[in-house]
Protein backbone atom coordinates (compact mmCIF):
# COMPACT_ATOMS: atom_id res chain seq x y z
CA MET A 1 0.00 0.00 0.00
CA ILE A 2 2.87 2.37 0.81
CA ARG A 3 4.40 1.98 -2.64
CA PHE A 4 1.00 2.37 -4.26
CA PHE A 5 0.43 5.71 -2.52
CA GLN A 6 3.97 6.80 -3.32
CA ALA A 7 3.57 5.86 -6.97
CA GLY A 8 0.16 7.54 -7.13
CA GLY A 9 1.54 10.70 -5.55
CA ALA A 10 4.50 10.82 -7.90
CA LEU A 11 2.27 10.14 -10.91
CA PHE A 12 -0.18 12.87 -9.89
CA ALA A 13 2.68 15.35 -9.44
CA PHE A 14 4.14 14.39 -12.82
CA VAL A 15 0.80 14.80 -14.60
CA ALA A 16 0.20 18.09 -12.78
CA VAL A 17 3.51 19.58 -13.92
CA LEU A 18 2.90 18.29 -17.44
CA THR A 19 -0.64 19.70 -17.65
CA ARG A 20 0.48 23.05 -16.20
CA ALA A 21 3.24 23.25 -18.82
CA LEU A 22 0.75 22.41 -21.55
CA ALA A 23 -1.63 25.07 -20.22
CA ALA A 24 1.13 27.66 -20.23
CA HIS A 25 2.37 26.88 -23.71
CA THR A 26 0.83 24.38 -26.12
CA LEU A 27 -2.84 24.51 -25.09
CA LYS A 28 -3.04 28.08 -23.81
CA LEU A 29 -4.82 29.58 -26.83
CA GLN A 30 -7.29 26.70 -27.15
CA LEU A 31 -8.15 26.78 -23.45
CA LYS A 32 -8.53 30.58 -23.48
CA ALA A 33 -10.81 30.40 -26.52
CA THR A 34 -13.18 28.09 -24.66
CA ASN A 35 -12.82 29.92 -21.32
CA MET A 36 -11.42 26.76 -19.75
CA LEU A 37 -7.88 27.87 -18.91
CA ASP A 38 -8.67 28.62 -15.27
CA GLN A 39 -10.49 25.32 -14.80
CA PHE A 40 -7.66 23.37 -16.42
CA CYS A 41 -5.06 25.10 -14.23
CA LEU A 42 -7.14 24.58 -11.09
CA ALA A 43 -7.39 20.85 -11.83
CA SER A 44 -3.61 20.72 -12.33
CA ASP A 45 -2.94 22.61 -9.10
CA TYR A 46 -5.20 20.31 -7.10
CA LEU A 47 -3.54 17.28 -8.66
CA LEU A 48 -0.11 18.52 -7.60
CA LEU A 49 -1.24 19.37 -4.09
CA HIS A 50 -2.90 16.01 -3.55
CA GLY A 51 -0.04 14.14 -5.18
CA LEU A 52 2.27 15.63 -2.57
CA ALA A 53 -0.28 14.82 0.14
CA LEU A 54 -0.27 11.17 -0.97
CA LEU A 55 3.52 11.08 -0.55
CA VAL A 56 3.12 12.40 3.00
CA VAL A 57 0.36 9.89 3.75
CA ALA A 58 2.61 7.06 2.52
CA GLN A 59 5.36 8.15 4.91
CA LEU A 60 2.96 8.49 7.83
CA TYR A 61 1.61 5.02 7.10
CA ARG A 62 5.16 3.66 6.98
CA VAL A 63 5.89 5.05 10.45
CA GLN A 64 2.48 4.23 11.94
CA PRO A 65 0.34 1.80 9.92
CA HIS A 66 -2.90 3.24 11.25
CA ARG A 67 -6.11 2.59 9.31
CA CYS A 68 -6.81 6.35 9.22
CA PHE A 69 -3.71 6.85 7.08
CA SER A 70 -4.78 4.05 4.77
CA LEU A 71 -8.30 5.47 4.43
CA ALA A 72 -6.92 8.99 3.94
CA GLY A 73 -4.68 7.72 1.15
CA TRP A 74 -7.49 5.95 -0.65
CA THR A 75 -9.91 8.86 -0.37
CA LEU A 76 -7.29 11.39 -1.51
CA LEU A 77 -6.32 9.16 -4.42
CA THR A 78 -9.90 8.51 -5.51
CA GLY A 79 -10.98 12.09 -4.89
CA SER A 80 -8.10 13.44 -6.96
CA LEU A 81 -8.89 11.15 -9.87
CA LEU A 82 -12.55 12.12 -9.82
CA PHE A 83 -12.12 15.84 -9.13
CA SER A 84 -9.13 16.74 -11.29
CA GLY A 85 -9.83 14.07 -13.88
CA SER A 86 -13.40 15.16 -14.49
CA MET A 87 -12.39 18.84 -14.60
CA ILE A 88 -9.71 18.17 -17.20
CA ILE A 89 -12.07 16.03 -19.26
CA LYS A 90 -14.75 18.78 -19.08
CA CYS A 91 -12.27 21.13 -20.74
CA TRP A 92 -12.31 18.97 -23.87
CA ALA A 93 -15.66 17.19 -23.96
CA SER A 94 -19.20 17.60 -22.78
CA ILE A 95 -19.65 14.87 -20.19
CA GLY A 96 -23.24 15.59 -19.22
CA ALA A 97 -24.43 13.74 -16.13
CA VAL A 98 -20.90 12.44 -15.52
CA GLY A 99 -20.15 16.00 -14.39
CA ILE A 100 -21.41 14.95 -10.95
CA LEU A 101 -17.99 13.31 -10.52
CA THR A 102 -16.40 16.70 -9.81
CA PRO A 103 -18.32 17.45 -6.59
CA VAL A 104 -18.10 13.79 -5.54
CA GLY A 105 -14.34 13.99 -5.98
CA GLY A 106 -14.22 17.25 -4.04
CA THR A 107 -16.19 15.69 -1.22
CA LEU A 108 -13.77 12.75 -1.13
CA LEU A 109 -10.84 15.18 -0.97
CA LEU A 110 -12.41 16.92 2.03
CA LEU A 111 -13.05 13.55 3.66
CA GLY A 112 -9.46 12.48 2.99
CA TRP A 113 -8.07 15.57 4.70
CA PHE A 114 -10.41 15.08 7.65
CA VAL A 115 -9.44 11.41 8.05
CA LEU A 116 -5.78 12.39 7.78
CA LEU A 117 -6.34 14.91 10.57
CA CYS A 118 -7.97 12.20 12.69
CA GLY A 119 -5.01 9.90 12.09
CA ILE A 120 -2.51 12.59 13.01
CA VAL A 121 -4.41 13.52 16.19
CA SER A 122 -4.47 9.86 17.28
CA PHE A 123 -0.84 9.28 16.20
CA ARG A 124 1.41 7.77 18.84
CA SER A 125 5.16 7.82 18.30
């Protein structure tokens, strides 16, 4: 599980830097023309932030394999995929009812941070 969270965090950070670079250079005019540049950049920023959070969660779980850290990792991972993934997809395609994935992902991100807080508060070194 530790390696999975580490790999997920590193992959999210990689994709975030890549999408931010694309937004700043290659895709900038296309995203501006459709008024989606801000949304695309926000999705990238959240992906980077939560990728780094997954790396922290992996280290916390390594030190203290508490179920809160495991649950936080899974909710942050799933929430990031749903939130940032659906926002990036919405920049290029109309996804209709699937658009509900964005707020579901956001809710999972909030839950992940709350569970991480609970794990840290109950942490015993």
